[in-house]
Amino acid sequence: MATHYKTYTFKQDEVWETIDSYWSSPLSFWAGKSLRVEPSVPLRVVVWGSAVAESDRGFINYGGMSAVLVQRVQARGRAGEKIRAEISDEVIEEPPPAE
């Protein structure tokens, strides 16, 4: 599993800012990735200006068929807040909901 790390400092308060982008070949559209951030902030995946996935859990999976159109992973935080992102070539399995 290939993983890389990056840090990001927000420039504005509560504005969606791109922290990663991803394009996938049509020949490997099944490939999935994940991004986990610490501390936890809202995340979303945007394709052609529309959010196709959102998460408030501190991680988000992306890739798949819409990655052929270029995906942008965005986060929202406070100006000056620094986050650490872990980007992996494997999706994160979500635990079942608590009963």
N, C-alpha and C. Protein backbone atom coordinates (compact mmCIF):
# COMPACT_ATOMS: atom_id res chain seq x y z
N MET A 1 0.85 -1.17 0.00
CA MET A 1 0.00 0.00 0.00
C MET A 1 0.90 1.24 0.00
N ALA A 2 0.85 2.00 -1.07
CA ALA A 2 1.62 3.24 -1.16
C ALA A 2 0.89 4.34 -0.38
N THR A 3 1.63 5.01 0.46
CA THR A 3 1.06 6.10 1.26
C THR A 3 2.02 7.26 1.23
N HIS A 4 1.48 8.46 1.12
CA HIS A 4 2.33 9.63 1.31
C HIS A 4 1.60 10.64 2.19
N TYR A 5 2.37 11.55 2.74
CA TYR A 5 1.86 12.50 3.72
C TYR A 5 2.12 13.92 3.24
N LYS A 6 1.24 14.81 3.62
CA LYS A 6 1.46 16.22 3.34
C LYS A 6 0.81 17.04 4.43
N THR A 7 1.29 18.26 4.61
CA THR A 7 0.64 19.18 5.55
C THR A 7 0.02 20.31 4.73
N TYR A 8 -1.00 20.90 5.28
CA TYR A 8 -1.68 21.98 4.60
C TYR A 8 -2.12 23.00 5.64
N THR A 9 -1.94 24.28 5.34
CA THR A 9 -2.38 25.36 6.21
C THR A 9 -3.49 26.13 5.50
N PHE A 10 -4.64 26.23 6.16
CA PHE A 10 -5.78 26.94 5.57
C PHE A 10 -5.49 28.42 5.44
N LYS A 11 -5.93 28.98 4.33
CA LYS A 11 -5.69 30.40 4.05
C LYS A 11 -6.87 31.28 4.45
N GLN A 12 -8.11 30.73 4.47
CA GLN A 12 -9.31 31.49 4.81
C GLN A 12 -10.17 30.69 5.77
N ASP A 13 -11.04 31.41 6.49
CA ASP A 13 -11.97 30.75 7.42
C ASP A 13 -13.13 30.12 6.68
N GLU A 14 -13.40 28.84 7.00
CA GLU A 14 -14.60 28.14 6.54
C GLU A 14 -14.84 28.23 5.03
N VAL A 15 -13.76 28.14 4.24
CA VAL A 15 -13.85 28.14 2.78
C VAL A 15 -13.27 26.81 2.31
N TRP A 16 -13.94 26.15 1.35
CA TRP A 16 -13.41 24.90 0.82
C TRP A 16 -12.12 25.17 0.07
N GLU A 17 -11.03 24.48 0.46
CA GLU A 17 -9.73 24.65 -0.18
C GLU A 17 -9.24 23.28 -0.66
N THR A 18 -8.68 23.23 -1.87
CA THR A 18 -8.22 21.98 -2.46
C THR A 18 -6.91 21.55 -1.81
N ILE A 19 -6.89 20.30 -1.29
CA ILE A 19 -5.67 19.79 -0.68
C ILE A 19 -5.05 18.65 -1.49
N ASP A 20 -5.81 18.09 -2.44
CA ASP A 20 -5.28 17.03 -3.31
C ASP A 20 -6.14 16.95 -4.56
N SER A 21 -5.55 16.49 -5.65
CA SER A 21 -6.32 16.24 -6.87
C SER A 21 -5.89 14.89 -7.42
N TYR A 22 -6.79 14.28 -8.22
CA TYR A 22 -6.53 12.93 -8.70
C TYR A 22 -7.20 12.73 -10.06
N TRP A 23 -6.44 12.17 -10.98
CA TRP A 23 -6.97 11.77 -12.27
C TRP A 23 -6.62 10.31 -12.47
N SER A 24 -7.56 9.55 -13.03
CA SER A 24 -7.34 8.13 -13.27
C SER A 24 -7.60 7.83 -14.74
N SER A 25 -6.80 6.97 -15.30
CA SER A 25 -7.00 6.51 -16.67
C SER A 25 -8.30 5.72 -16.78
N PRO A 26 -8.99 5.83 -17.90
CA PRO A 26 -10.19 5.01 -18.09
C PRO A 26 -9.91 3.51 -17.99
N LEU A 27 -8.66 3.12 -18.17
CA LEU A 27 -8.30 1.70 -18.08
C LEU A 27 -8.17 1.22 -16.63
N SER A 28 -8.11 2.14 -15.69
CA SER A 28 -8.00 1.73 -14.28
C SER A 28 -9.03 2.47 -13.43
N PHE A 29 -10.25 2.60 -13.96
CA PHE A 29 -11.29 3.36 -13.27
C PHE A 29 -11.71 2.74 -11.94
N TRP A 30 -11.41 1.48 -11.72
CA TRP A 30 -11.81 0.81 -10.48
C TRP A 30 -10.92 1.18 -9.30
N ALA A 31 -9.77 1.78 -9.55
CA ALA A 31 -8.82 2.10 -8.48
C ALA A 31 -9.42 3.09 -7.49
N GLY A 32 -9.21 2.83 -6.23
CA GLY A 32 -9.70 3.73 -5.18
C GLY A 32 -8.56 4.25 -4.33
N LYS A 33 -8.76 5.39 -3.75
CA LYS A 33 -7.79 6.03 -2.85
C LYS A 33 -8.53 6.51 -1.61
N SER A 34 -7.77 6.89 -0.61
CA SER A 34 -8.37 7.47 0.59
C SER A 34 -7.48 8.59 1.10
N LEU A 35 -8.09 9.50 1.80
CA LEU A 35 -7.38 10.61 2.42
C LEU A 35 -7.90 10.74 3.84
N ARG A 36 -6.99 10.73 4.81
CA ARG A 36 -7.34 10.90 6.22
C ARG A 36 -6.60 12.14 6.73
N VAL A 37 -7.30 12.99 7.48
CA VAL A 37 -6.67 14.20 8.00
C VAL A 37 -6.72 14.23 9.52
N GLU A 38 -5.71 14.85 10.10
CA GLU A 38 -5.64 15.10 11.55
C GLU A 38 -5.22 16.54 11.75
N PRO A 39 -5.90 17.32 12.54
CA PRO A 39 -7.16 17.00 13.20
C PRO A 39 -8.29 16.88 12.18
N SER A 40 -9.37 16.25 12.61
CA SER A 40 -10.51 15.99 11.73
C SER A 40 -11.18 17.30 11.31
N VAL A 41 -11.39 17.46 10.00
CA VAL A 41 -12.10 18.61 9.43
C VAL A 41 -13.06 18.08 8.36
N PRO A 42 -14.07 18.85 7.97
CA PRO A 42 -14.96 18.42 6.88
C PRO A 42 -14.18 18.26 5.57
N LEU A 43 -14.52 17.20 4.83
CA LEU A 43 -13.88 16.90 3.55
C LEU A 43 -14.95 16.69 2.48
N ARG A 44 -14.58 16.94 1.23
CA ARG A 44 -15.47 16.62 0.12
C ARG A 44 -14.65 16.35 -1.13
N VAL A 45 -15.26 15.61 -2.07
CA VAL A 45 -14.66 15.34 -3.38
C VAL A 45 -15.49 16.09 -4.41
N VAL A 46 -14.82 16.88 -5.27
CA VAL A 46 -15.51 17.71 -6.25
C VAL A 46 -15.10 17.28 -7.66
N VAL A 47 -16.09 17.13 -8.53
CA VAL A 47 -15.87 16.85 -9.95
C VAL A 47 -16.70 17.85 -10.73
N TRP A 48 -16.07 18.59 -11.62
CA TRP A 48 -16.73 19.61 -12.44
C TRP A 48 -17.56 20.58 -11.61
N GLY A 49 -17.05 20.98 -10.45
CA GLY A 49 -17.72 21.97 -9.62
C GLY A 49 -18.82 21.45 -8.73
N SER A 50 -19.09 20.15 -8.77
CA SER A 50 -20.15 19.56 -7.93
C SER A 50 -19.55 18.56 -6.96
N ALA A 51 -20.01 18.61 -5.72
CA ALA A 51 -19.55 17.66 -4.71
C ALA A 51 -20.16 16.29 -5.00
N VAL A 52 -19.32 15.26 -5.12
CA VAL A 52 -19.80 13.91 -5.36
C VAL A 52 -19.70 13.04 -4.10
N ALA A 53 -18.99 13.54 -3.07
CA ALA A 53 -18.88 12.83 -1.79
C ALA A 53 -18.50 13.85 -0.72
N GLU A 54 -19.02 13.65 0.49
CA GLU A 54 -18.70 14.52 1.62
C GLU A 54 -18.51 13.67 2.87
N SER A 55 -17.71 14.17 3.80
CA SER A 55 -17.47 13.45 5.05
C SER A 55 -17.12 14.42 6.16
N ASP A 56 -17.65 14.16 7.34
CA ASP A 56 -17.27 14.91 8.55
C ASP A 56 -16.49 14.01 9.51
N ARG A 57 -16.05 12.86 9.03
CA ARG A 57 -15.42 11.86 9.89
C ARG A 57 -13.90 11.92 9.87
N GLY A 58 -13.30 12.84 9.12
CA GLY A 58 -11.85 12.95 9.09
C GLY A 58 -11.18 12.11 8.03
N PHE A 59 -11.97 11.36 7.24
CA PHE A 59 -11.42 10.62 6.12
C PHE A 59 -12.46 10.57 5.00
N ILE A 60 -11.96 10.35 3.79
CA ILE A 60 -12.86 10.24 2.64
C ILE A 60 -12.20 9.33 1.61
N ASN A 61 -13.01 8.53 0.94
CA ASN A 61 -12.55 7.68 -0.16
C ASN A 61 -12.86 8.38 -1.47
N TYR A 62 -11.99 8.20 -2.46
CA TYR A 62 -12.24 8.78 -3.77
C TYR A 62 -11.60 7.91 -4.83
N GLY A 63 -11.73 8.29 -6.07
CA GLY A 63 -11.29 7.46 -7.18
C GLY A 63 -12.52 6.94 -7.90
N GLY A 64 -12.41 5.80 -8.53
CA GLY A 64 -13.55 5.24 -9.24
C GLY A 64 -13.78 5.92 -10.57
N MET A 65 -14.95 5.70 -11.13
CA MET A 65 -15.26 6.17 -12.48
C MET A 65 -15.16 7.69 -12.63
N SER A 66 -15.60 8.46 -11.63
CA SER A 66 -15.56 9.91 -11.80
C SER A 66 -14.14 10.48 -11.79
N ALA A 67 -13.15 9.69 -11.40
CA ALA A 67 -11.76 10.16 -11.41
C ALA A 67 -11.24 10.36 -12.84
N VAL A 68 -11.92 9.78 -13.81
CA VAL A 68 -11.54 9.99 -15.21
C VAL A 68 -11.71 11.47 -15.57
N LEU A 69 -12.58 12.18 -14.84
CA LEU A 69 -12.85 13.59 -15.09
C LEU A 69 -12.05 14.54 -14.20
N VAL A 70 -11.15 14.06 -13.40
CA VAL A 70 -10.31 14.77 -12.43
C VAL A 70 -11.12 15.12 -11.18
N GLN A 71 -10.69 14.59 -10.08
CA GLN A 71 -11.32 14.85 -8.78
C GLN A 71 -10.43 15.78 -7.96
N ARG A 72 -11.07 16.65 -7.21
CA ARG A 72 -10.37 17.51 -6.25
C ARG A 72 -10.89 17.17 -4.86
N VAL A 73 -9.98 16.89 -3.94
CA VAL A 73 -10.36 16.67 -2.55
C VAL A 73 -10.18 17.99 -1.83
N GLN A 74 -11.25 18.46 -1.20
CA GLN A 74 -11.22 19.75 -0.53
C GLN A 74 -11.52 19.59 0.95
N ALA A 75 -10.98 20.51 1.73
CA ALA A 75 -11.20 20.54 3.17
C ALA A 75 -11.59 21.96 3.57
N ARG A 76 -12.23 22.06 4.74
CA ARG A 76 -12.67 23.36 5.23
C ARG A 76 -12.22 23.50 6.68
N GLY A 77 -11.59 24.65 7.00
CA GLY A 77 -11.10 24.88 8.35
C GLY A 77 -10.98 26.37 8.63
N ARG A 78 -10.22 26.69 9.66
CA ARG A 78 -10.00 28.10 10.04
C ARG A 78 -8.67 28.59 9.48
N ALA A 79 -8.62 29.87 9.14
CA ALA A 79 -7.39 30.46 8.62
C ALA A 79 -6.25 30.22 9.61
N GLY A 80 -5.12 29.75 9.10
CA GLY A 80 -3.95 29.48 9.92
C GLY A 80 -3.92 28.08 10.53
N GLU A 81 -5.03 27.36 10.50
CA GLU A 81 -5.07 26.00 11.03
C GLU A 81 -4.28 25.07 10.11
N LYS A 82 -3.44 24.23 10.69
CA LYS A 82 -2.63 23.30 9.92
C LYS A 82 -3.16 21.88 10.11
N ILE A 83 -3.27 21.15 9.01
CA ILE A 83 -3.70 19.75 9.08
C ILE A 83 -2.62 18.88 8.45
N ARG A 84 -2.64 17.62 8.83
CA ARG A 84 -1.74 16.62 8.26
C ARG A 84 -2.61 15.63 7.50
N ALA A 85 -2.31 15.41 6.23
CA ALA A 85 -3.09 14.50 5.40
C ALA A 85 -2.27 13.25 5.09
N GLU A 86 -2.93 12.11 5.23
CA GLU A 86 -2.34 10.82 4.86
C GLU A 86 -3.11 10.32 3.63
N ILE A 87 -2.43 10.18 2.52
CA ILE A 87 -3.07 9.79 1.26
C ILE A 87 -2.62 8.36 0.93
N SER A 88 -3.59 7.48 0.77
CA SER A 88 -3.30 6.06 0.57
C SER A 88 -3.91 5.55 -0.73
N ASP A 89 -3.30 4.53 -1.31
CA ASP A 89 -3.82 3.92 -2.53
C ASP A 89 -4.86 2.84 -2.23
N GLU A 90 -5.34 2.77 -1.01
CA GLU A 90 -6.38 1.83 -0.63
C GLU A 90 -7.52 2.58 0.04
N VAL A 91 -8.75 2.14 -0.21
CA VAL A 91 -9.90 2.78 0.44
C VAL A 91 -9.96 2.38 1.90
N ILE A 92 -10.60 3.22 2.70
CA ILE A 92 -10.80 2.95 4.12
C ILE A 92 -12.18 2.34 4.27
N GLU A 93 -12.24 1.17 4.87
CA GLU A 93 -13.53 0.53 5.12
C GLU A 93 -14.20 1.22 6.30
N GLU A 94 -15.42 1.66 6.11
CA GLU A 94 -16.16 2.31 7.17
C GLU A 94 -16.70 1.27 8.15
N PRO A 95 -16.55 1.53 9.45
CA PRO A 95 -17.12 0.60 10.43
C PRO A 95 -18.64 0.64 10.37
N PRO A 96 -19.32 -0.46 10.72
CA PRO A 96 -20.78 -0.43 10.71
C PRO A 96 -21.33 0.58 11.71
N PRO A 97 -22.51 1.15 11.46
CA PRO A 97 -23.06 2.14 12.38
C PRO A 97 -23.35 1.50 13.75
N ALA A 98 -23.12 2.28 14.79
CA ALA A 98 -23.37 1.81 16.15
C ALA A 98 -24.87 1.71 16.40
N GLU A 99 -25.27 0.67 17.08
CA GLU A 99 -26.71 0.49 17.37
C GLU A 99 -27.02 0.92 18.77
